[in-house]
């Protein structure tokens, strides 16, 4: 599986290619799916470009994207969108339109409560385990671990020289991950080495303007669709190389 991450916490300062409105997100998602993405991860945003868990904002984003694509669509529940764990859970329980899945960063305060609320609503949980945090240790102790949809192993090391080693270390920390599928991805300059490692290991991955603004050539990406096209080539080539005797 190759997921497209449309925008993340990025804003207008990151360039016009980053989709910030529901209409722009839907257009970008449609292009990315046409290019081969099989799942969508998006950060719903207020009109001023801030990540939001507001039921109105989430519903508008999901409904507009789903009018253009038929693949699963997931959203963030990052603490930066709502710092209070209690308020975050209340926001989620007030959603009038439910995503197919939502990411929960396990190192953040309130992760267990947020994940439990999502599971109660029938929303798949992507357990976000960031390198450099205690997320993997917390997840290993979680009674909710066996119930998550998948694990998002996020490598926060942005060095192209060390990101792959950091990814291998994170995977070792995760161990069996309760037998749940693992999606491995990186950030910025570390994103492409980690994506190629995912291809060699046969793990799901993601690509998009949330994770990287540049193509493997170092050129600025014009769209999420362009990143998906490049990502599938990098992912597939790495996988074929790994299978050679």
C-alpha atoms as a PDB file:
ATOM      1  CA  UNK A   1       0.000   0.000   0.000  1.00  0.00           C
ATOM      2  CA  UNK A   2       1.197   3.493  -0.871  1.00  0.00           C
ATOM      3  CA  UNK A   3      -0.683   6.198   1.011  1.00  0.00           C
ATOM      4  CA  UNK A   4      -0.620   9.831  -0.078  1.00  0.00           C
ATOM      5  CA  UNK A   5      -0.215  12.409   2.711  1.00  0.00           C
ATOM      6  CA  UNK A   6      -1.678  15.504   1.119  1.00  0.00           C
ATOM      7  CA  UNK A   7      -0.618  18.426   3.298  1.00  0.00           C
ATOM      8  CA  UNK A   8       0.258  17.764   6.943  1.00  0.00           C
ATOM      9  CA  UNK A   9       0.777  20.787   9.182  1.00  0.00           C
ATOM     10  CA  UNK A  10       2.315  22.722   6.292  1.00  0.00           C
ATOM     11  CA  UNK A  11       0.867  26.060   5.272  1.00  0.00           C
ATOM     12  CA  UNK A  12       0.954  28.709   2.573  1.00  0.00           C
ATOM     13  CA  UNK A  13       4.605  29.463   3.284  1.00  0.00           C
ATOM     14  CA  UNK A  14       5.477  25.971   2.024  1.00  0.00           C
ATOM     15  CA  UNK A  15       4.300  26.760  -1.491  1.00  0.00           C
ATOM     16  CA  UNK A  16       1.201  26.898  -3.640  1.00  0.00           C
ATOM     17  CA  UNK A  17       1.350  23.150  -4.317  1.00  0.00           C
ATOM     18  CA  UNK A  18       0.299  22.372  -0.707  1.00  0.00           C
ATOM     19  CA  UNK A  19      -3.533  21.981  -0.699  1.00  0.00           C
ATOM     20  CA  UNK A  20      -5.172  23.956   2.097  1.00  0.00           C
ATOM     21  CA  UNK A  21      -8.886  24.166   1.193  1.00  0.00           C
ATOM     22  CA  UNK A  22     -11.286  21.216   0.895  1.00  0.00           C
ATOM     23  CA  UNK A  23     -11.555  21.795  -2.853  1.00  0.00           C
ATOM     24  CA  UNK A  24      -7.775  21.906  -3.295  1.00  0.00           C
ATOM     25  CA  UNK A  25      -7.375  18.802  -1.120  1.00  0.00           C
ATOM     26  CA  UNK A  26      -9.963  16.938  -3.190  1.00  0.00           C
ATOM     27  CA  UNK A  27      -8.295  17.933  -6.453  1.00  0.00           C
ATOM     28  CA  UNK A  28      -4.904  16.899  -5.109  1.00  0.00           C
ATOM     29  CA  UNK A  29      -6.279  13.598  -3.789  1.00  0.00           C
ATOM     30  CA  UNK A  30      -7.867  12.794  -7.137  1.00  0.00           C
ATOM     31  CA  UNK A  31      -4.588  13.391  -8.951  1.00  0.00           C
ATOM     32  CA  UNK A  32      -2.656  11.309  -6.444  1.00  0.00           C
ATOM     33  CA  UNK A  33      -5.099   8.396  -6.676  1.00  0.00           C
ATOM     34  CA  UNK A  34      -4.985   8.549 -10.468  1.00  0.00           C
ATOM     35  CA  UNK A  35      -1.191   8.319 -10.156  1.00  0.00           C
ATOM     36  CA  UNK A  36      -1.484   5.152  -8.040  1.00  0.00           C
ATOM     37  CA  UNK A  37      -2.083   6.082  -4.389  1.00  0.00           C
ATOM     38  CA  UNK A  38      -4.438   3.638  -2.674  1.00  0.00           C
ATOM     39  CA  UNK A  39      -5.168   5.562   0.534  1.00  0.00           C
ATOM     40  CA  UNK A  40      -5.361   9.214   1.591  1.00  0.00           C
ATOM     41  CA  UNK A  41      -4.160  10.934   4.781  1.00  0.00           C
ATOM     42  CA  UNK A  42      -5.161  14.583   5.186  1.00  0.00           C
ATOM     43  CA  UNK A  43      -5.063  17.376   7.751  1.00  0.00           C
ATOM     44  CA  UNK A  44      -8.393  19.265   7.676  1.00  0.00           C
ATOM     45  CA  UNK A  45      -7.786  22.994   7.982  1.00  0.00           C
ATOM     46  CA  UNK A  46      -9.627  26.126   8.990  1.00  0.00           C
ATOM     47  CA  UNK A  47      -9.975  28.944   6.421  1.00  0.00           C
ATOM     48  CA  UNK A  48      -6.841  30.507   7.921  1.00  0.00           C
ATOM     49  CA  UNK A  49      -4.854  27.315   7.287  1.00  0.00           C
ATOM     50  CA  UNK A  50      -4.663  25.851  10.799  1.00  0.00           C
ATOM     51  CA  UNK A  51      -5.114  22.125  11.444  1.00  0.00           C
ATOM     52  CA  UNK A  52      -8.501  21.507  13.032  1.00  0.00           C
ATOM     53  CA  UNK A  53     -10.563  18.704  14.581  1.00  0.00           C
ATOM     54  CA  UNK A  54     -13.764  20.773  14.367  1.00  0.00           C
ATOM     55  CA  UNK A  55     -16.680  18.604  13.205  1.00  0.00           C
ATOM     56  CA  UNK A  56     -17.603  21.224  10.616  1.00  0.00           C
ATOM     57  CA  UNK A  57     -14.079  21.390   9.203  1.00  0.00           C
ATOM     58  CA  UNK A  58     -13.588  17.617   9.240  1.00  0.00           C
ATOM     59  CA  UNK A  59     -16.952  16.975   7.562  1.00  0.00           C
ATOM     60  CA  UNK A  60     -16.349  19.513   4.794  1.00  0.00           C
ATOM     61  CA  UNK A  61     -12.931  18.035   4.092  1.00  0.00           C
ATOM     62  CA  UNK A  62     -14.069  14.409   4.046  1.00  0.00           C
ATOM     63  CA  UNK A  63     -17.199  15.014   1.997  1.00  0.00           C
ATOM     64  CA  UNK A  64     -15.361  17.061  -0.623  1.00  0.00           C
ATOM     65  CA  UNK A  65     -12.544  14.529  -0.990  1.00  0.00           C
ATOM     66  CA  UNK A  66     -14.921  11.545  -1.078  1.00  0.00           C
ATOM     67  CA  UNK A  67     -16.815  13.176  -3.926  1.00  0.00           C
ATOM     68  CA  UNK A  68     -13.632  12.777  -5.993  1.00  0.00           C
ATOM     69  CA  UNK A  69     -12.043   9.511  -4.814  1.00  0.00           C
ATOM     70  CA  UNK A  70     -13.254   6.084  -3.689  1.00  0.00           C
ATOM     71  CA  UNK A  71     -10.201   5.000  -1.661  1.00  0.00           C
ATOM     72  CA  UNK A  72     -10.095   5.171   2.177  1.00  0.00           C
ATOM     73  CA  UNK A  73      -9.562   8.666   3.613  1.00  0.00           C
ATOM     74  CA  UNK A  74      -8.005   9.292   7.018  1.00  0.00           C
ATOM     75  CA  UNK A  75      -7.291  12.366   9.134  1.00  0.00           C
ATOM     76  CA  UNK A  76      -4.883  13.462  11.840  1.00  0.00           C
ATOM     77  CA  UNK A  77      -5.707  13.771  15.533  1.00  0.00           C
ATOM     78  CA  UNK A  78      -2.415  15.490  16.361  1.00  0.00           C
ATOM     79  CA  UNK A  79      -2.237  17.281  19.696  1.00  0.00           C
ATOM     80  CA  UNK A  80      -1.200  20.509  17.950  1.00  0.00           C
ATOM     81  CA  UNK A  81      -4.747  20.686  16.507  1.00  0.00           C
ATOM     82  CA  UNK A  82      -6.273  20.427  20.009  1.00  0.00           C
ATOM     83  CA  UNK A  83      -3.781  20.393  22.926  1.00  0.00           C
ATOM     84  CA  UNK A  84      -6.240  19.295  25.624  1.00  0.00           C
ATOM     85  CA  UNK A  85      -6.748  15.489  25.568  1.00  0.00           C
ATOM     86  CA  UNK A  86     -10.245  15.899  27.025  1.00  0.00           C
ATOM     87  CA  UNK A  87     -11.221  18.469  24.397  1.00  0.00           C
ATOM     88  CA  UNK A  88      -9.643  16.317  21.673  1.00  0.00           C
ATOM     89  CA  UNK A  89     -11.804  13.343  22.621  1.00  0.00           C
ATOM     90  CA  UNK A  90     -14.893  15.559  22.801  1.00  0.00           C
ATOM     91  CA  UNK A  91     -14.168  16.941  19.342  1.00  0.00           C
ATOM     92  CA  UNK A  92     -13.800  13.446  17.910  1.00  0.00           C
ATOM     93  CA  UNK A  93     -17.020  12.235  19.504  1.00  0.00           C
ATOM     94  CA  UNK A  94     -18.826  15.221  17.962  1.00  0.00           C
ATOM     95  CA  UNK A  95     -17.746  14.411  14.396  1.00  0.00           C
ATOM     96  CA  UNK A  96     -20.752  14.224  12.078  1.00  0.00           C
ATOM     97  CA  UNK A  97     -18.788  12.662   9.220  1.00  0.00           C
ATOM     98  CA  UNK A  98     -16.381   9.877  10.132  1.00  0.00           C
ATOM     99  CA  UNK A  99     -13.071   9.170   8.407  1.00  0.00           C
ATOM    100  CA  UNK A 100     -12.124   5.623   7.465  1.00  0.00           C
ATOM    101  CA  UNK A 101      -9.144   5.917   9.794  1.00  0.00           C
ATOM    102  CA  UNK A 102      -7.319   8.471  11.931  1.00  0.00           C
ATOM    103  CA  UNK A 103      -3.730   8.691  13.088  1.00  0.00           C
ATOM    104  CA  UNK A 104      -3.000   8.829  16.827  1.00  0.00           C
ATOM    105  CA  UNK A 105       0.520   9.776  17.940  1.00  0.00           C
ATOM    106  CA  UNK A 106       1.217   7.394  20.789  1.00  0.00           C
ATOM    107  CA  UNK A 107       3.776   9.622  22.520  1.00  0.00           C
ATOM    108  CA  UNK A 108       1.224  12.415  22.953  1.00  0.00           C
ATOM    109  CA  UNK A 109      -0.757  12.876  26.174  1.00  0.00           C
ATOM    110  CA  UNK A 110      -4.215  11.338  25.858  1.00  0.00           C
ATOM    111  CA  UNK A 111      -3.291   8.926  23.053  1.00  0.00           C
ATOM    112  CA  UNK A 112      -5.034   5.962  24.696  1.00  0.00           C
ATOM    113  CA  UNK A 113      -8.236   7.937  25.266  1.00  0.00           C
ATOM    114  CA  UNK A 114      -8.228   9.309  21.728  1.00  0.00           C
ATOM    115  CA  UNK A 115      -7.659   5.859  20.246  1.00  0.00           C
ATOM    116  CA  UNK A 116     -10.399   4.356  22.415  1.00  0.00           C
ATOM    117  CA  UNK A 117     -12.874   7.020  21.275  1.00  0.00           C
ATOM    118  CA  UNK A 118     -12.067   6.327  17.626  1.00  0.00           C
ATOM    119  CA  UNK A 119     -12.450   2.574  18.081  1.00  0.00           C
ATOM    120  CA  UNK A 120     -15.805   3.128  19.806  1.00  0.00           C
ATOM    121  CA  UNK A 121     -16.942   5.096  16.740  1.00  0.00           C
ATOM    122  CA  UNK A 122     -15.784   2.360  14.373  1.00  0.00           C
ATOM    123  CA  UNK A 123     -12.915   4.446  12.970  1.00  0.00           C
ATOM    124  CA  UNK A 124      -9.683   2.606  12.193  1.00  0.00           C
ATOM    125  CA  UNK A 125      -6.697   3.739  14.281  1.00  0.00           C
ATOM    126  CA  UNK A 126      -3.296   4.326  12.752  1.00  0.00           C
ATOM    127  CA  UNK A 127      -0.915   4.158  15.715  1.00  0.00           C
ATOM    128  CA  UNK A 128       1.710   6.826  15.040  1.00  0.00           C
ATOM    129  CA  UNK A 129       5.027   5.731  16.547  1.00  0.00           C
ATOM    130  CA  UNK A 130       7.696   8.406  16.125  1.00  0.00           C
ATOM    131  CA  UNK A 131      11.384   7.694  16.390  1.00  0.00           C
ATOM    132  CA  UNK A 132      13.116   9.602  19.162  1.00  0.00           C
ATOM    133  CA  UNK A 133      10.085   9.328  21.475  1.00  0.00           C
ATOM    134  CA  UNK A 134       8.772   6.792  23.970  1.00  0.00           C
ATOM    135  CA  UNK A 135       5.910   5.967  21.625  1.00  0.00           C
ATOM    136  CA  UNK A 136       7.097   2.425  20.871  1.00  0.00           C
ATOM    137  CA  UNK A 137       7.428   1.573  24.580  1.00  0.00           C
ATOM    138  CA  UNK A 138       3.995   3.017  25.351  1.00  0.00           C
ATOM    139  CA  UNK A 139       2.433   1.165  22.453  1.00  0.00           C
ATOM    140  CA  UNK A 140       3.985  -2.127  23.569  1.00  0.00           C
ATOM    141  CA  UNK A 141       2.109  -1.784  26.884  1.00  0.00           C
ATOM    142  CA  UNK A 142      -1.191  -0.679  25.354  1.00  0.00           C
ATOM    143  CA  UNK A 143      -4.232  -2.943  25.640  1.00  0.00           C
ATOM    144  CA  UNK A 144      -5.467  -1.273  22.450  1.00  0.00           C
ATOM    145  CA  UNK A 145      -2.467  -2.424  20.416  1.00  0.00           C
ATOM    146  CA  UNK A 146      -4.128  -5.518  18.944  1.00  0.00           C
ATOM    147  CA  UNK A 147      -7.118  -3.417  17.855  1.00  0.00           C
ATOM    148  CA  UNK A 148      -5.375  -0.776  15.739  1.00  0.00           C
ATOM    149  CA  UNK A 149      -5.709  -0.793  11.961  1.00  0.00           C
ATOM    150  CA  UNK A 150      -1.994  -0.342  11.356  1.00  0.00           C
ATOM    151  CA  UNK A 151       1.160   1.121  12.846  1.00  0.00           C
ATOM    152  CA  UNK A 152       2.649   4.270  11.301  1.00  0.00           C
ATOM    153  CA  UNK A 153       6.381   4.010  11.954  1.00  0.00           C
ATOM    154  CA  UNK A 154       7.509   7.618  11.469  1.00  0.00           C
ATOM    155  CA  UNK A 155      11.225   8.309  11.213  1.00  0.00           C
ATOM    156  CA  UNK A 156      11.902  11.835  12.433  1.00  0.00           C
ATOM    157  CA  UNK A 157      15.606  11.697  11.530  1.00  0.00           C
ATOM    158  CA  UNK A 158      15.791  13.946   8.460  1.00  0.00           C
ATOM    159  CA  UNK A 159      19.404  13.214   7.530  1.00  0.00           C
ATOM    160  CA  UNK A 160      19.693  11.262   4.275  1.00  0.00           C
ATOM    161  CA  UNK A 161      22.837   9.650   5.664  1.00  0.00           C
ATOM    162  CA  UNK A 162      21.334   8.226   8.861  1.00  0.00           C
ATOM    163  CA  UNK A 163      17.552   8.035   8.309  1.00  0.00           C
ATOM    164  CA  UNK A 164      17.681   4.413   7.129  1.00  0.00           C
ATOM    165  CA  UNK A 165      19.594   3.336  10.245  1.00  0.00           C
ATOM    166  CA  UNK A 166      17.078   5.241  12.383  1.00  0.00           C
ATOM    167  CA  UNK A 167      14.253   3.449  10.576  1.00  0.00           C
ATOM    168  CA  UNK A 168      15.780   0.058  11.268  1.00  0.00           C
ATOM    169  CA  UNK A 169      16.171   1.032  14.917  1.00  0.00           C
ATOM    170  CA  UNK A 170      12.527   2.095  15.138  1.00  0.00           C
ATOM    171  CA  UNK A 171      11.359  -1.164  13.567  1.00  0.00           C
ATOM    172  CA  UNK A 172      13.453  -3.078  16.104  1.00  0.00           C
ATOM    173  CA  UNK A 173      11.801  -1.106  18.929  1.00  0.00           C
ATOM    174  CA  UNK A 174       8.376  -1.985  17.555  1.00  0.00           C
ATOM    175  CA  UNK A 175       9.139  -5.685  17.444  1.00  0.00           C
ATOM    176  CA  UNK A 176       6.053  -7.661  16.423  1.00  0.00           C
ATOM    177  CA  UNK A 177       3.769  -4.598  16.833  1.00  0.00           C
ATOM    178  CA  UNK A 178       0.982  -6.934  17.988  1.00  0.00           C
ATOM    179  CA  UNK A 179       1.043  -8.441  14.502  1.00  0.00           C
ATOM    180  CA  UNK A 180      -0.466  -5.282  13.010  1.00  0.00           C
ATOM    181  CA  UNK A 181       0.568  -4.070   9.523  1.00  0.00           C
ATOM    182  CA  UNK A 182       3.351  -1.481   9.557  1.00  0.00           C
ATOM    183  CA  UNK A 183       3.540   1.576   7.314  1.00  0.00           C
ATOM    184  CA  UNK A 184       7.094   2.961   7.326  1.00  0.00           C
ATOM    185  CA  UNK A 185       7.803   6.543   6.278  1.00  0.00           C
ATOM    186  CA  UNK A 186      10.239   9.394   6.828  1.00  0.00           C
ATOM    187  CA  UNK A 187      10.382  13.173   6.689  1.00  0.00           C
ATOM    188  CA  UNK A 188      11.991  15.785   4.445  1.00  0.00           C
ATOM    189  CA  UNK A 189      15.548  14.803   3.409  1.00  0.00           C
ATOM    190  CA  UNK A 190      15.196  11.463   5.188  1.00  0.00           C
ATOM    191  CA  UNK A 191      11.917  10.571   3.454  1.00  0.00           C
ATOM    192  CA  UNK A 192      13.281   9.016   0.253  1.00  0.00           C
ATOM    193  CA  UNK A 193      15.858   6.716   1.907  1.00  0.00           C
ATOM    194  CA  UNK A 194      13.151   5.480   4.303  1.00  0.00           C
ATOM    195  CA  UNK A 195      10.663   4.942   1.442  1.00  0.00           C
ATOM    196  CA  UNK A 196      13.239   2.856  -0.431  1.00  0.00           C
ATOM    197  CA  UNK A 197      13.857   0.807   2.717  1.00  0.00           C
ATOM    198  CA  UNK A 198      10.110   0.184   2.994  1.00  0.00           C
ATOM    199  CA  UNK A 199      10.178  -1.108  -0.589  1.00  0.00           C
ATOM    200  CA  UNK A 200      13.062  -3.465   0.162  1.00  0.00           C
ATOM    201  CA  UNK A 201      11.328  -4.767   3.287  1.00  0.00           C
ATOM    202  CA  UNK A 202       7.925  -5.090   1.598  1.00  0.00           C
ATOM    203  CA  UNK A 203       6.262  -2.683   4.035  1.00  0.00           C
ATOM    204  CA  UNK A 204       3.528  -0.195   3.240  1.00  0.00           C
ATOM    205  CA  UNK A 205       4.701   3.407   2.935  1.00  0.00           C
ATOM    206  CA  UNK A 206       3.459   6.883   2.171  1.00  0.00           C
ATOM    207  CA  UNK A 207       4.511   9.819   0.050  1.00  0.00           C
ATOM    208  CA  UNK A 208       3.239  13.366  -0.329  1.00  0.00           C
ATOM    209  CA  UNK A 209       3.712  17.003   0.480  1.00  0.00           C
ATOM    210  CA  UNK A 210       3.340  16.409   4.221  1.00  0.00           C
ATOM    211  CA  UNK A 211       6.503  14.314   4.233  1.00  0.00           C
ATOM    212  CA  UNK A 212       8.589  15.850   1.455  1.00  0.00           C
ATOM    213  CA  UNK A 213       8.554  18.904  -0.781  1.00  0.00           C
ATOM    214  CA  UNK A 214      11.329  17.703  -3.093  1.00  0.00           C
ATOM    215  CA  UNK A 215      11.522  14.921  -5.649  1.00  0.00           C
ATOM    216  CA  UNK A 216      14.378  12.375  -5.465  1.00  0.00           C
ATOM    217  CA  UNK A 217      16.222  14.537  -8.017  1.00  0.00           C
ATOM    218  CA  UNK A 218      16.158  17.476  -5.599  1.00  0.00           C
ATOM    219  CA  UNK A 219      13.663  19.423  -7.696  1.00  0.00           C
ATOM    220  CA  UNK A 220      10.621  20.998  -6.083  1.00  0.00           C
ATOM    221  CA  UNK A 221       7.541  18.801  -6.448  1.00  0.00           C
ATOM    222  CA  UNK A 222       4.707  20.415  -8.372  1.00  0.00           C
ATOM    223  CA  UNK A 223       1.990  18.219  -6.877  1.00  0.00           C
ATOM    224  CA  UNK A 224       1.160  15.219  -4.752  1.00  0.00           C
ATOM    225  CA  UNK A 225       0.516  13.256  -7.955  1.00  0.00           C
ATOM    226  CA  UNK A 226       4.103  13.898  -9.066  1.00  0.00           C
ATOM    227  CA  UNK A 227       5.397  12.672  -5.712  1.00  0.00           C
ATOM    228  CA  UNK A 228       3.229   9.536  -5.902  1.00  0.00           C
ATOM    229  CA  UNK A 229       4.556   8.754  -9.375  1.00  0.00           C
ATOM    230  CA  UNK A 230       8.156   9.184  -8.206  1.00  0.00           C
ATOM    231  CA  UNK A 231       7.444   7.288  -4.986  1.00  0.00           C
ATOM    232  CA  UNK A 232       6.036   4.262  -6.777  1.00  0.00           C
ATOM    233  CA  UNK A 233       9.124   4.114  -8.992  1.00  0.00           C
ATOM    234  CA  UNK A 234      11.485   4.375  -6.013  1.00  0.00           C
ATOM    235  CA  UNK A 235       9.453   1.875  -3.980  1.00  0.00           C
ATOM    236  CA  UNK A 236       9.171  -0.653  -6.795  1.00  0.00           C
ATOM    237  CA  UNK A 237      12.801  -0.403  -7.838  1.00  0.00           C
ATOM    238  CA  UNK A 238      13.948  -0.923  -4.237  1.00  0.00           C
ATOM    239  CA  UNK A 239      11.705  -3.967  -3.927  1.00  0.00           C
ATOM    240  CA  UNK A 240      13.016  -5.515  -7.130  1.00  0.00           C
ATOM    241  CA  UNK A 241      16.606  -4.904  -6.073  1.00  0.00           C
ATOM    242  CA  UNK A 242      15.949  -6.645  -2.748  1.00  0.00           C
ATOM    243  CA  UNK A 243      14.551  -9.725  -4.524  1.00  0.00           C
ATOM    244  CA  UNK A 244      17.558 -10.237  -6.774  1.00  0.00           C
ATOM    245  CA  UNK A 245      19.787 -13.205  -5.894  1.00  0.00           C
END
